């Protein structure tokens, strides 16, 4: 069962909303995995800003459709 089923009808406090954002970002970090830092060379978790960029990119790719070929990468 999805975590946010029926969430349109929920009334949330700011604390509960924050907890949902933390949960969502944690799941996205798990999906996208770790990154190697270019400067230090060590593995680290992805920052929230990086997660946001990847999700925006995924949305753009979805909207492009099947007939479009794109050869560049955002990350």
C-alpha atoms as a PDB file:
ATOM      1  CA  UNK A   1       0.000   0.000   0.000  1.00  0.00           C
ATOM      2  CA  UNK A   2       1.434   3.388  -0.927  1.00  0.00           C
ATOM      3  CA  UNK A   3       2.648   5.588   1.898  1.00  0.00           C
ATOM      4  CA  UNK A   4       0.751   8.683   0.775  1.00  0.00           C
ATOM      5  CA  UNK A   5      -2.558   7.031  -0.166  1.00  0.00           C
ATOM      6  CA  UNK A   6      -5.363   9.569   0.300  1.00  0.00           C
ATOM      7  CA  UNK A   7      -2.958  12.326   1.344  1.00  0.00           C
ATOM      8  CA  UNK A   8      -5.058  14.956  -0.453  1.00  0.00           C
ATOM      9  CA  UNK A   9      -7.484  14.829   2.458  1.00  0.00           C
ATOM     10  CA  UNK A  10      -4.927  14.931   5.272  1.00  0.00           C
ATOM     11  CA  UNK A  11      -4.484  18.011   7.404  1.00  0.00           C
ATOM     12  CA  UNK A  12      -0.845  18.090   8.474  1.00  0.00           C
ATOM     13  CA  UNK A  13       1.082  20.029  11.024  1.00  0.00           C
ATOM     14  CA  UNK A  14       4.417  21.489   9.943  1.00  0.00           C
ATOM     15  CA  UNK A  15       6.181  18.786  11.932  1.00  0.00           C
ATOM     16  CA  UNK A  16       4.320  15.987  10.122  1.00  0.00           C
ATOM     17  CA  UNK A  17       4.964  17.623   6.752  1.00  0.00           C
ATOM     18  CA  UNK A  18       8.677  17.813   7.552  1.00  0.00           C
ATOM     19  CA  UNK A  19       8.708  14.128   8.500  1.00  0.00           C
ATOM     20  CA  UNK A  20       7.161  13.224   5.129  1.00  0.00           C
ATOM     21  CA  UNK A  21       9.822  15.266   3.292  1.00  0.00           C
ATOM     22  CA  UNK A  22      12.579  13.538   5.271  1.00  0.00           C
ATOM     23  CA  UNK A  23      11.078  10.128   4.460  1.00  0.00           C
ATOM     24  CA  UNK A  24      10.762  10.975   0.750  1.00  0.00           C
ATOM     25  CA  UNK A  25      14.347  12.223   0.514  1.00  0.00           C
ATOM     26  CA  UNK A  26      15.580   9.123   2.325  1.00  0.00           C
ATOM     27  CA  UNK A  27      13.835   6.885  -0.202  1.00  0.00           C
ATOM     28  CA  UNK A  28      15.225   8.909  -3.119  1.00  0.00           C
ATOM     29  CA  UNK A  29      18.742   8.647  -1.674  1.00  0.00           C
ATOM     30  CA  UNK A  30      18.293   4.898  -1.530  1.00  0.00           C
ATOM     31  CA  UNK A  31      17.059   4.754  -5.117  1.00  0.00           C
ATOM     32  CA  UNK A  32      19.777   6.994  -6.586  1.00  0.00           C
ATOM     33  CA  UNK A  33      22.570   5.655  -4.385  1.00  0.00           C
ATOM     34  CA  UNK A  34      25.746   7.335  -3.189  1.00  0.00           C
ATOM     35  CA  UNK A  35      27.986   9.709  -5.138  1.00  0.00           C
ATOM     36  CA  UNK A  36      31.726  10.017  -5.251  1.00  0.00           C
ATOM     37  CA  UNK A  37      32.840  13.517  -4.302  1.00  0.00           C
ATOM     38  CA  UNK A  38      34.891  14.999  -7.165  1.00  0.00           C
ATOM     39  CA  UNK A  39      37.198  16.989  -4.892  1.00  0.00           C
ATOM     40  CA  UNK A  40      37.852  14.620  -2.005  1.00  0.00           C
ATOM     41  CA  UNK A  41      37.210  11.342  -3.828  1.00  0.00           C
ATOM     42  CA  UNK A  42      35.147   9.849  -0.989  1.00  0.00           C
ATOM     43  CA  UNK A  43      31.660   8.392  -1.191  1.00  0.00           C
ATOM     44  CA  UNK A  44      28.884  10.521   0.299  1.00  0.00           C
ATOM     45  CA  UNK A  45      25.111  10.839   0.420  1.00  0.00           C
ATOM     46  CA  UNK A  46      23.444  13.014  -2.180  1.00  0.00           C
ATOM     47  CA  UNK A  47      22.409  16.482  -1.058  1.00  0.00           C
ATOM     48  CA  UNK A  48      18.744  17.485  -1.211  1.00  0.00           C
ATOM     49  CA  UNK A  49      19.502  19.916  -4.042  1.00  0.00           C
ATOM     50  CA  UNK A  50      20.975  17.073  -6.121  1.00  0.00           C
ATOM     51  CA  UNK A  51      17.915  14.915  -5.456  1.00  0.00           C
ATOM     52  CA  UNK A  52      15.660  17.748  -6.604  1.00  0.00           C
ATOM     53  CA  UNK A  53      17.660  18.159  -9.839  1.00  0.00           C
ATOM     54  CA  UNK A  54      17.464  14.437 -10.591  1.00  0.00           C
ATOM     55  CA  UNK A  55      13.716  14.340 -10.002  1.00  0.00           C
ATOM     56  CA  UNK A  56      13.214  17.385 -12.250  1.00  0.00           C
ATOM     57  CA  UNK A  57      15.330  15.699 -14.926  1.00  0.00           C
ATOM     58  CA  UNK A  58      13.279  12.496 -14.641  1.00  0.00           C
ATOM     59  CA  UNK A  59      10.115  14.564 -15.118  1.00  0.00           C
ATOM     60  CA  UNK A  60      11.536  16.198 -18.250  1.00  0.00           C
ATOM     61  CA  UNK A  61      12.548  12.832 -19.708  1.00  0.00           C
ATOM     62  CA  UNK A  62       9.069  11.459 -19.016  1.00  0.00           C
ATOM     63  CA  UNK A  63       7.452  14.406 -20.810  1.00  0.00           C
ATOM     64  CA  UNK A  64       9.738  14.023 -23.837  1.00  0.00           C
ATOM     65  CA  UNK A  65       8.024  10.832 -24.935  1.00  0.00           C
ATOM     66  CA  UNK A  66       9.388   7.765 -26.675  1.00  0.00           C
ATOM     67  CA  UNK A  67      10.162   9.322 -30.060  1.00  0.00           C
ATOM     68  CA  UNK A  68      12.780  11.749 -28.745  1.00  0.00           C
ATOM     69  CA  UNK A  69      16.426  10.770 -28.424  1.00  0.00           C
ATOM     70  CA  UNK A  70      18.612  12.713 -26.020  1.00  0.00           C
ATOM     71  CA  UNK A  71      22.340  12.098 -25.818  1.00  0.00           C
ATOM     72  CA  UNK A  72      23.353  14.432 -22.955  1.00  0.00           C
ATOM     73  CA  UNK A  73      23.198  13.877 -19.229  1.00  0.00           C
ATOM     74  CA  UNK A  74      22.461  16.305 -16.423  1.00  0.00           C
ATOM     75  CA  UNK A  75      24.614  14.587 -13.825  1.00  0.00           C
END
